[in-house]
N, C-alpha and C. Protein backbone atom coordinates (compact mmCIF):
# COMPACT_ATOMS: atom_id res chain seq x y z
N MET A 1 0.82 -0.99 0.19
CA MET A 1 -0.43 -0.12 0.27
C MET A 1 0.53 1.30 0.00
N LYS A 2 0.50 2.69 -0.70
CA LYS A 2 0.75 3.55 -0.60
C LYS A 2 0.33 4.29 -0.30
N ILE A 3 0.48 5.45 0.19
CA ILE A 3 -0.51 6.61 0.78
C ILE A 3 0.61 8.00 0.65
N THR A 4 -0.20 8.81 -0.73
CA THR A 4 0.62 10.15 -1.22
C THR A 4 -0.34 11.29 0.22
N LEU A 5 0.43 11.26 1.45
CA LEU A 5 0.15 12.48 2.36
C LEU A 5 0.20 14.61 1.40
N VAL A 6 -1.52 15.26 0.96
CA VAL A 6 -0.88 16.60 0.54
C VAL A 6 -1.54 17.60 1.64
N ARG A 7 -1.14 18.21 1.85
CA ARG A 7 -0.87 19.65 2.66
C ARG A 7 -2.09 21.01 1.69
N HIS A 8 -2.62 21.67 2.41
CA HIS A 8 -3.75 22.17 0.82
C HIS A 8 -2.53 23.71 0.72
N GLY A 9 -2.77 23.95 -0.75
CA GLY A 9 -1.77 25.02 -0.93
C GLY A 9 -2.67 26.08 0.03
N GLN A 10 -1.78 26.88 -0.49
CA GLN A 10 -1.80 28.82 0.43
C GLN A 10 -3.21 29.58 0.39
N THR A 11 -2.98 29.87 1.62
CA THR A 11 -4.37 30.70 1.54
C THR A 11 -4.57 31.71 2.00
N GLU A 12 -5.22 33.10 1.80
CA GLU A 12 -4.53 34.75 1.96
C GLU A 12 -4.37 34.53 3.63
N GLN A 13 -4.92 33.35 4.57
CA GLN A 13 -4.28 33.94 6.12
C GLN A 13 -3.58 32.68 6.48
N ASN A 14 -3.22 31.61 5.27
CA ASN A 14 -1.78 31.35 5.50
C ASN A 14 -0.67 32.34 5.30
N TYR A 15 -0.98 33.37 3.95
CA TYR A 15 0.16 34.12 3.92
C TYR A 15 0.33 35.53 4.71
N GLN A 16 -0.61 35.92 5.20
CA GLN A 16 -0.94 37.05 6.41
C GLN A 16 -0.73 36.06 7.64
N ASN A 17 -0.28 34.96 7.52
CA ASN A 17 0.46 34.17 9.31
C ASN A 17 -0.70 34.63 10.02
N ILE A 18 -1.91 33.87 9.81
CA ILE A 18 -2.74 34.31 10.16
C ILE A 18 -3.51 32.86 11.08
N LEU A 19 -4.23 31.89 12.08
CA LEU A 19 -4.24 30.79 12.43
C LEU A 19 -5.12 30.42 11.81
N ASN A 20 -5.57 29.98 10.63
CA ASN A 20 -6.75 29.40 9.84
C ASN A 20 -7.95 28.75 11.00
N GLY A 21 -7.17 27.67 11.79
CA GLY A 21 -8.30 26.66 12.27
C GLY A 21 -9.16 25.86 10.69
N ARG A 22 -10.18 25.52 11.55
CA ARG A 22 -11.28 25.20 10.87
C ARG A 22 -12.48 26.27 9.81
N SER A 23 -11.76 27.19 9.84
CA SER A 23 -11.89 28.12 9.04
C SER A 23 -12.11 27.85 7.70
N ASN A 24 -13.38 28.30 6.56
CA ASN A 24 -13.64 27.56 5.65
C ASN A 24 -12.62 28.25 4.18
N ASP A 25 -11.88 28.71 4.15
CA ASP A 25 -11.15 29.96 3.17
C ASP A 25 -10.40 29.09 2.02
N LEU A 26 -10.22 29.38 1.33
CA LEU A 26 -10.43 30.04 -0.55
C LEU A 26 -8.93 29.96 -0.30
N LEU A 27 -8.16 29.18 -1.66
CA LEU A 27 -6.56 29.36 -1.33
C LEU A 27 -6.81 30.44 -2.51
N ASN A 28 -5.03 31.22 -1.62
CA ASN A 28 -5.21 32.64 -2.95
C ASN A 28 -3.89 31.93 -4.41
N ASP A 29 -4.12 32.57 -4.80
CA ASP A 29 -3.63 32.45 -6.28
C ASP A 29 -2.08 32.23 -6.28
N THR A 30 -1.34 32.25 -5.48
CA THR A 30 -0.48 31.84 -5.31
C THR A 30 -0.24 29.88 -5.11
N GLY A 31 -1.86 29.75 -4.14
CA GLY A 31 -2.19 28.50 -3.36
C GLY A 31 -2.88 27.61 -4.83
N ARG A 32 -3.22 27.94 -5.48
CA ARG A 32 -3.61 28.02 -6.88
C ARG A 32 -2.51 27.04 -7.95
N ARG A 33 -1.52 27.77 -7.49
CA ARG A 33 -0.29 27.98 -8.97
C ARG A 33 0.44 26.79 -8.02
N GLN A 34 0.46 26.50 -6.60
CA GLN A 34 1.26 26.01 -5.80
C GLN A 34 0.51 24.18 -6.74
N CYS A 35 -0.95 24.33 -6.03
CA CYS A 35 -1.24 22.85 -6.75
C CYS A 35 -0.72 22.67 -7.80
N GLN A 36 -1.17 24.23 -8.88
CA GLN A 36 -0.81 23.51 -10.26
C GLN A 36 0.40 22.79 -10.80
N LYS A 37 1.69 23.27 -10.00
CA LYS A 37 2.78 23.00 -9.81
C LYS A 37 2.63 21.09 -9.35
N LEU A 38 1.79 21.16 -8.36
CA LEU A 38 1.99 20.08 -8.25
C LEU A 38 1.60 19.24 -8.75
N ARG A 39 0.46 19.60 -9.09
CA ARG A 39 -0.34 18.78 -10.27
C ARG A 39 0.23 18.04 -11.84
N GLU A 40 0.89 19.09 -12.24
CA GLU A 40 2.28 18.67 -13.32
C GLU A 40 3.08 17.03 -12.33
N GLN A 41 3.75 17.44 -11.50
CA GLN A 41 4.48 16.36 -11.25
C GLN A 41 3.94 15.19 -10.37
N LEU A 42 2.53 15.31 -10.28
CA LEU A 42 1.46 14.25 -10.04
C LEU A 42 0.62 13.14 -10.94
N LYS A 43 1.56 14.35 -12.56
CA LYS A 43 0.17 14.00 -13.20
C LYS A 43 0.42 12.37 -13.85
N ASP A 44 1.42 11.82 -13.89
CA ASP A 44 1.70 10.32 -14.25
C ASP A 44 1.38 9.37 -13.07
N VAL A 45 1.34 10.26 -11.91
CA VAL A 45 0.43 8.89 -10.88
C VAL A 45 -0.69 8.54 -10.73
N HIS A 46 -1.03 7.21 -10.67
CA HIS A 46 -2.39 6.56 -10.55
C HIS A 46 -2.25 7.19 -8.78
N PHE A 47 -3.28 6.81 -8.68
CA PHE A 47 -3.85 7.14 -7.48
C PHE A 47 -5.36 6.28 -7.46
N ASP A 48 -5.34 5.07 -5.82
CA ASP A 48 -6.64 4.92 -6.91
C ASP A 48 -7.79 5.28 -5.63
N LEU A 49 -7.70 6.43 -4.84
CA LEU A 49 -8.61 6.90 -4.35
C LEU A 49 -8.61 8.07 -3.79
N CYS A 50 -9.21 9.75 -3.34
CA CYS A 50 -8.35 10.46 -2.62
C CYS A 50 -9.30 10.20 -1.58
N TYR A 51 -8.79 10.84 -0.29
CA TYR A 51 -9.66 10.84 1.40
C TYR A 51 -8.81 12.27 0.68
N MET A 52 -9.98 13.47 1.92
CA MET A 52 -9.54 14.52 1.92
C MET A 52 -10.60 15.42 3.31
N SER A 53 -10.37 16.38 3.95
CA SER A 53 -10.55 17.40 4.67
C SER A 53 -12.09 17.22 4.11
N PRO A 54 -12.91 18.04 4.66
CA PRO A 54 -14.29 18.98 3.79
C PRO A 54 -14.32 20.05 3.69
N LEU A 55 -12.51 20.54 4.42
CA LEU A 55 -12.83 22.15 4.33
C LEU A 55 -12.87 22.80 3.05
N VAL A 56 -12.86 23.44 2.44
CA VAL A 56 -12.82 23.89 0.99
C VAL A 56 -11.57 24.23 0.40
N ARG A 57 -10.61 24.43 1.22
CA ARG A 57 -9.12 25.12 0.54
C ARG A 57 -8.50 23.42 0.89
N THR A 58 -9.00 22.48 1.55
CA THR A 58 -8.32 20.85 0.85
C THR A 58 -8.90 20.53 0.05
N VAL A 59 -10.21 20.87 0.27
CA VAL A 59 -11.08 20.07 -1.73
C VAL A 59 -10.52 21.32 -2.76
N GLU A 60 -10.34 22.19 -2.87
CA GLU A 60 -10.25 23.02 -4.17
C GLU A 60 -8.68 22.35 -4.25
N THR A 61 -7.97 21.81 -3.20
CA THR A 61 -6.39 21.74 -3.51
C THR A 61 -6.91 19.96 -4.10
N ALA A 62 -7.66 19.26 -3.89
CA ALA A 62 -8.12 17.93 -4.11
C ALA A 62 -8.20 18.24 -6.04
N PHE A 63 -8.85 18.87 -5.90
CA PHE A 63 -9.59 19.00 -7.55
C PHE A 63 -8.62 19.34 -8.73
N ILE A 64 -7.55 20.09 -7.90
CA ILE A 64 -6.64 20.77 -8.31
C ILE A 64 -5.57 19.85 -9.07
N LEU A 65 -5.45 19.09 -8.10
CA LEU A 65 -4.24 17.85 -8.31
C LEU A 65 -5.36 16.89 -9.15
N ILE A 66 -6.30 16.52 -8.98
CA ILE A 66 -6.57 14.92 -9.58
C ILE A 66 -8.01 15.66 -10.51
N GLY A 67 -8.68 16.61 -10.19
CA GLY A 67 -9.89 16.89 -11.56
C GLY A 67 -10.64 15.54 -10.63
N ASP A 68 -11.37 15.40 -11.86
CA ASP A 68 -12.28 13.50 -11.66
C ASP A 68 -11.56 11.84 -12.72
N ARG A 69 -10.19 11.85 -12.50
CA ARG A 69 -9.51 11.43 -12.48
C ARG A 69 -9.68 9.82 -11.04
N VAL A 70 -9.82 10.33 -10.09
CA VAL A 70 -10.35 9.32 -8.91
C VAL A 70 -11.33 10.14 -8.41
N GLU A 71 -12.25 9.10 -7.39
CA GLU A 71 -13.08 8.92 -6.64
C GLU A 71 -12.61 9.79 -5.41
N THR A 72 -13.33 10.85 -4.85
CA THR A 72 -12.99 11.65 -3.79
C THR A 72 -13.98 11.24 -3.04
N PHE A 73 -13.65 11.77 -1.40
CA PHE A 73 -14.17 11.33 -0.36
C PHE A 73 -13.69 12.53 1.11
N PRO A 74 -14.59 13.07 1.15
CA PRO A 74 -14.54 14.18 2.15
C PRO A 74 -14.86 13.33 3.59
N ASP A 75 -13.72 13.40 4.60
CA ASP A 75 -13.39 12.38 5.78
C ASP A 75 -12.85 13.44 7.00
N LYS A 76 -14.49 13.45 7.92
CA LYS A 76 -14.29 14.08 8.98
C LYS A 76 -12.50 14.10 9.79
N ARG A 77 -12.44 12.89 9.65
CA ARG A 77 -11.13 13.18 10.52
C ARG A 77 -10.05 14.14 10.26
N LEU A 78 -9.88 13.94 9.00
CA LEU A 78 -8.65 14.72 7.90
C LEU A 78 -9.15 16.36 7.85
N ILE A 79 -9.61 17.16 9.12
CA ILE A 79 -10.13 18.35 9.16
C ILE A 79 -8.57 19.27 9.88
N GLU A 80 -8.66 19.65 9.67
CA GLU A 80 -7.72 20.63 10.91
C GLU A 80 -8.12 20.89 11.97
N ARG A 81 -6.54 20.96 13.05
CA ARG A 81 -7.40 21.41 14.14
C ARG A 81 -7.39 22.43 14.72
N ASP A 82 -8.96 21.86 15.58
CA ASP A 82 -9.73 23.22 16.31
C ASP A 82 -8.98 23.81 17.00
N MET A 83 -8.36 25.68 16.30
CA MET A 83 -7.77 26.52 17.32
C MET A 83 -7.90 27.08 18.12
N GLY A 84 -9.51 27.14 18.35
CA GLY A 84 -10.22 27.46 19.65
C GLY A 84 -10.43 28.75 19.62
N GLU A 85 -10.42 30.07 20.74
CA GLU A 85 -9.85 31.18 20.86
C GLU A 85 -8.72 31.89 19.99
N LEU A 86 -8.15 30.80 19.54
CA LEU A 86 -7.01 31.20 18.14
C LEU A 86 -6.69 31.41 16.66
N THR A 87 -8.20 30.86 16.35
CA THR A 87 -8.62 30.88 15.28
C THR A 87 -8.63 31.92 14.86
N GLY A 88 -8.07 32.29 13.86
CA GLY A 88 -8.18 34.22 12.70
C GLY A 88 -7.03 35.20 13.73
N LYS A 89 -6.34 34.63 14.21
CA LYS A 89 -5.32 35.47 15.08
C LYS A 89 -3.97 35.12 14.73
N SER A 90 -3.15 36.42 15.61
CA SER A 90 -1.66 36.00 14.43
C SER A 90 -1.45 34.63 15.01
N ARG A 91 -0.53 33.59 14.18
CA ARG A 91 0.53 32.95 15.09
C ARG A 91 1.29 33.10 15.65
N ASP A 92 2.01 34.26 15.69
CA ASP A 92 2.64 35.07 16.93
C ASP A 92 2.41 34.82 17.82
N LEU A 93 0.70 34.81 18.47
CA LEU A 93 0.29 33.94 19.47
C LEU A 93 -0.06 32.47 20.28
N TYR A 94 0.18 31.50 18.87
CA TYR A 94 0.65 30.01 19.11
C TYR A 94 1.89 29.97 19.40
N ASP A 95 1.39 29.16 20.49
CA ASP A 95 3.28 28.64 21.65
C ASP A 95 2.84 27.10 20.63
N VAL A 96 3.60 27.58 19.20
CA VAL A 96 4.38 25.86 18.85
C VAL A 96 4.78 24.71 19.84
N LYS A 97 5.44 24.73 20.49
CA LYS A 97 5.80 23.66 21.78
C LYS A 97 5.35 23.38 22.75
N LYS A 98 3.80 24.10 23.14
CA LYS A 98 3.43 23.66 24.04
C LYS A 98 2.37 22.66 23.64
N TYR A 99 2.17 23.30 22.73
CA TYR A 99 0.59 23.03 21.73
C TYR A 99 1.07 21.80 20.94
N TRP A 100 2.31 21.27 21.08
CA TRP A 100 2.78 20.01 20.13
C TRP A 100 3.48 19.92 21.34
N ASP A 101 3.53 19.68 22.92
CA ASP A 101 3.98 18.31 23.84
C ASP A 101 2.39 16.84 24.30
N TYR A 102 2.82 16.43 23.60
CA TYR A 102 2.37 14.98 23.58
C TYR A 102 1.72 14.95 25.22
N ASP A 103 2.60 14.98 25.75
CA ASP A 103 2.62 14.81 27.50
C ASP A 103 1.54 15.73 27.63
N LEU A 104 2.37 16.88 27.24
CA LEU A 104 1.50 18.23 28.09
C LEU A 104 0.94 18.12 27.71
N ASN A 105 -0.22 17.86 26.59
CA ASN A 105 -1.59 17.65 26.22
C ASN A 105 -2.37 19.11 26.18
N SER A 106 -2.02 20.42 25.68
CA SER A 106 -2.97 21.43 26.48
C SER A 106 -3.93 21.51 25.51
N SER A 107 -5.15 21.66 25.94
CA SER A 107 -6.17 22.40 25.29
C SER A 107 -7.12 23.41 25.44
N ASP A 108 -5.66 24.75 26.06
CA ASP A 108 -5.82 25.74 26.55
C ASP A 108 -6.29 27.04 25.45
N LEU A 109 -6.97 27.74 25.57
CA LEU A 109 -8.26 28.17 25.09
C LEU A 109 -8.41 28.15 23.55
N GLY A 110 -9.23 26.62 24.10
CA GLY A 110 -10.07 25.60 23.30
C GLY A 110 -9.31 25.21 22.60
N VAL A 111 -7.77 25.12 21.95
CA VAL A 111 -7.24 24.48 21.05
C VAL A 111 -7.51 22.91 21.56
N GLU A 112 -7.25 22.61 20.14
CA GLU A 112 -8.01 20.94 20.18
C GLU A 112 -6.56 19.97 20.69
N ALA A 113 -6.90 19.47 21.92
CA ALA A 113 -5.38 18.51 22.60
C ALA A 113 -5.00 18.01 21.37
N ILE A 114 -3.34 17.71 21.35
CA ILE A 114 -2.87 16.96 20.54
C ILE A 114 -3.24 16.13 20.29
N GLN A 115 -3.80 15.04 21.31
CA GLN A 115 -3.28 13.56 21.55
C GLN A 115 -4.81 13.07 21.29
N GLU A 116 -6.12 14.27 20.50
CA GLU A 116 -7.09 14.33 19.73
C GLU A 116 -6.89 14.40 18.43
N VAL A 117 -5.52 15.23 17.97
CA VAL A 117 -5.67 15.39 16.49
C VAL A 117 -5.16 13.92 15.99
N PHE A 118 -4.25 13.24 16.87
CA PHE A 118 -3.42 11.95 17.39
C PHE A 118 -4.12 10.43 16.83
N LYS A 119 -5.09 11.16 17.33
CA LYS A 119 -6.11 9.37 17.56
C LYS A 119 -7.27 9.83 16.64
N ARG A 120 -7.68 10.88 16.45
CA ARG A 120 -8.29 10.83 15.11
C ARG A 120 -7.35 10.23 13.84
N CYS A 121 -6.88 10.81 13.89
CA CYS A 121 -5.83 10.39 12.42
C CYS A 121 -4.90 8.78 12.96
N GLU A 122 -4.97 8.26 13.99
CA GLU A 122 -4.69 6.79 13.67
C GLU A 122 -5.69 6.19 13.64
N ASP A 123 -7.05 6.27 14.31
CA ASP A 123 -8.25 5.92 13.38
C ASP A 123 -8.44 5.83 12.08
N PHE A 124 -8.36 7.43 11.18
CA PHE A 124 -8.34 7.30 9.73
C PHE A 124 -7.61 5.88 9.18
N LEU A 125 -6.17 5.92 9.50
CA LEU A 125 -5.39 5.21 9.17
C LEU A 125 -5.50 4.15 9.01
N GLU A 126 -5.65 3.61 10.25
CA GLU A 126 -5.70 2.10 10.51
C GLU A 126 -6.97 1.56 9.78
N TYR A 127 -8.45 2.62 8.70
CA TYR A 127 -9.37 2.31 8.87
C TYR A 127 -8.64 2.08 6.86
N VAL A 128 -7.60 3.10 6.76
CA VAL A 128 -7.55 3.48 5.02
C VAL A 128 -7.29 1.52 5.18
N MET A 129 -5.89 1.71 5.71
CA MET A 129 -5.42 0.20 6.15
C MET A 129 -5.84 -0.53 5.69
N LYS A 130 -6.75 -0.83 6.73
CA LYS A 130 -7.38 -2.15 6.01
C LYS A 130 -8.31 -2.10 5.38
N LYS A 131 -8.67 -1.11 4.56
CA LYS A 131 -9.94 -1.26 3.26
C LYS A 131 -9.51 -0.69 2.22
N HIS A 132 -8.00 -0.49 2.48
CA HIS A 132 -7.76 -0.34 0.53
C HIS A 132 -5.92 -1.19 0.60
N PRO A 133 -5.78 -2.08 1.46
CA PRO A 133 -4.56 -2.66 1.76
C PRO A 133 -3.19 -2.60 0.47
N ASN A 134 -3.78 -2.69 -0.44
CA ASN A 134 -3.11 -2.49 -1.86
C ASN A 134 -3.30 -1.65 -3.03
N GLY A 135 -4.06 -0.69 -1.91
CA GLY A 135 -4.35 0.97 -2.90
C GLY A 135 -2.80 1.72 -3.31
N HIS A 136 -3.34 2.97 -3.59
CA HIS A 136 -1.86 4.32 -3.67
C HIS A 136 -3.49 5.10 -3.27
N ILE A 137 -3.17 5.66 -2.26
CA ILE A 137 -3.83 6.95 -1.93
C ILE A 137 -3.68 8.34 -1.53
N LEU A 138 -4.39 8.70 -2.42
CA LEU A 138 -4.26 9.69 -1.98
C LEU A 138 -4.79 10.92 -0.58
N VAL A 139 -3.61 11.50 0.44
CA VAL A 139 -4.54 12.34 1.51
C VAL A 139 -4.77 13.91 1.15
N VAL A 140 -4.84 14.07 1.12
CA VAL A 140 -5.54 16.10 0.86
C VAL A 140 -5.79 16.85 2.85
N SER A 141 -5.38 17.49 2.94
CA SER A 141 -5.30 17.42 4.28
C SER A 141 -5.29 18.65 4.37
N HIS A 142 -4.08 18.93 6.37
CA HIS A 142 -4.22 19.98 6.66
C HIS A 142 -2.34 20.32 7.16
N GLY A 143 -1.80 21.25 7.65
CA GLY A 143 -0.95 20.87 8.99
C GLY A 143 -0.73 19.59 9.65
N ALA A 144 -1.76 19.84 10.70
CA ALA A 144 -1.29 19.15 12.03
C ALA A 144 -1.94 18.08 11.65
N PRO A 145 -3.04 17.61 10.89
CA PRO A 145 -3.41 15.99 10.48
C PRO A 145 -1.95 15.91 9.38
N VAL A 146 -1.46 16.08 8.74
CA VAL A 146 -0.94 15.79 7.52
C VAL A 146 0.20 15.04 8.55
N ARG A 147 1.47 16.35 9.66
CA ARG A 147 1.99 15.60 10.21
C ARG A 147 1.98 15.12 11.53
N ALA A 148 0.81 14.62 12.02
CA ALA A 148 0.58 14.16 13.03
C ALA A 148 0.69 12.41 11.80
N LEU A 149 -0.34 12.27 11.01
CA LEU A 149 -0.33 11.17 10.16
C LEU A 149 1.59 10.72 9.49
N TYR A 150 2.27 11.63 9.34
CA TYR A 150 3.96 11.44 8.91
C TYR A 150 3.82 10.98 10.19
N HIS A 151 4.34 11.37 11.14
CA HIS A 151 4.57 10.46 12.75
C HIS A 151 4.42 9.04 13.23
N LEU A 152 2.76 9.31 12.83
CA LEU A 152 2.43 7.48 12.97
C LEU A 152 2.76 6.60 12.32
N ILE A 153 2.38 6.72 10.33
CA ILE A 153 3.27 6.49 9.23
C ILE A 153 4.63 5.86 9.55
N LYS A 154 5.87 7.00 9.96
CA LYS A 154 7.05 6.66 10.46
C LYS A 154 7.25 5.78 11.49
N HIS A 155 6.23 5.08 12.40
CA HIS A 155 6.24 4.82 13.79
C HIS A 155 7.29 5.65 14.61
N HIS A 156 7.11 6.89 14.96
CA HIS A 156 7.76 8.27 15.31
C HIS A 156 7.30 7.69 17.04
N ASN A 157 8.52 7.64 17.88
CA ASN A 157 8.11 8.49 19.11
C ASN A 157 7.16 9.84 19.44
N LEU A 158 5.81 9.14 19.96
CA LEU A 158 5.11 10.16 20.05
C LEU A 158 5.82 11.40 21.45
N HIS A 159 6.27 10.99 22.85
CA HIS A 159 6.85 11.98 23.89
C HIS A 159 8.04 12.29 22.90
N SER A 160 8.43 12.14 21.81
CA SER A 160 9.33 13.44 21.49
C SER A 160 8.76 14.71 20.60
N ASN A 161 10.15 15.02 20.40
CA ASN A 161 10.03 16.35 19.77
C ASN A 161 9.12 16.24 18.38
N LEU A 162 8.06 16.94 18.45
CA LEU A 162 7.09 16.33 17.03
C LEU A 162 6.93 17.52 15.96
N LEU A 163 8.03 18.63 16.02
CA LEU A 163 7.93 19.60 15.34
C LEU A 163 9.30 18.94 14.16
N THR A 164 9.69 17.85 14.33
CA THR A 164 11.86 17.89 13.69
C THR A 164 10.50 18.22 12.17
N ILE A 165 9.47 17.61 11.49
CA ILE A 165 9.32 18.32 9.93
C ILE A 165 8.44 18.79 9.97
N SER A 166 8.75 19.79 8.69
CA SER A 166 8.29 21.39 8.33
C SER A 166 7.28 20.64 7.01
N ILE A 167 5.72 21.36 7.98
CA ILE A 167 4.95 21.06 6.56
C ILE A 167 3.93 22.48 6.00
N PRO A 168 4.85 22.58 4.82
CA PRO A 168 4.30 23.72 4.72
C PRO A 168 3.32 23.08 3.35
N ASN A 169 3.12 24.75 3.06
CA ASN A 169 1.97 24.69 1.92
C ASN A 169 2.12 23.69 0.59
N CYS A 170 0.93 22.82 0.55
CA CYS A 170 1.88 22.14 -0.71
C CYS A 170 2.41 21.24 -0.49
N TYR A 171 3.09 20.91 0.57
CA TYR A 171 4.09 19.81 1.41
C TYR A 171 3.03 18.83 0.23
N CYS A 172 3.83 17.31 0.28
CA CYS A 172 3.90 16.36 -1.13
C CYS A 172 4.75 15.09 -0.29
N GLU A 173 4.42 13.73 0.16
CA GLU A 173 5.15 12.65 0.14
C GLU A 173 4.69 12.03 0.04
N THR A 174 5.30 10.71 -0.40
CA THR A 174 4.74 9.27 -0.45
C THR A 174 4.98 8.55 0.25
N PHE A 175 4.95 7.45 1.50
CA PHE A 175 5.23 6.59 1.61
C PHE A 175 4.61 5.43 1.52
N GLU A 176 5.50 4.14 1.18
CA GLU A 176 5.12 2.69 1.23
C GLU A 176 4.62 2.27 2.92
N MET A 177 3.98 1.28 2.08
CA MET A 177 3.22 0.94 3.90
C MET A 177 3.87 -0.59 4.09
């Protein structure tokens, strides 16, 4: 089985360093260009199907990448981390080390606890592996779920530094399971 993880293209909020959280933002022109460039890189890759977050920025990304080449399925487990009171605020207010500390598991200011993000991503991963053991699955999501899925796929120690990988807009990586 193969899984290709993709983070959505840039939104205006990403560009302005504002926390999107679960807000339903469209891609900006840069984000669309990022997706078109990635589509060109993936044009010869066969995907059996695509799972995506139901938020519009990921749906838009998925359709730019694959159009109607494969069937797509929205999955709520892939939705972005709820940023609570920080949604719509400057990224500078977000203490990344605090909110990505698996043992601390902070939910201050209504930010979704990191263990909850990992729990839903692990549930999604187990489901996909069981349902499509021989497929190549495209997964289009957001920074937090993509980072969580990356660590789960790599079987990393979740009690260590979870910030060792950068997940920029239109990040793409394929994993053999």
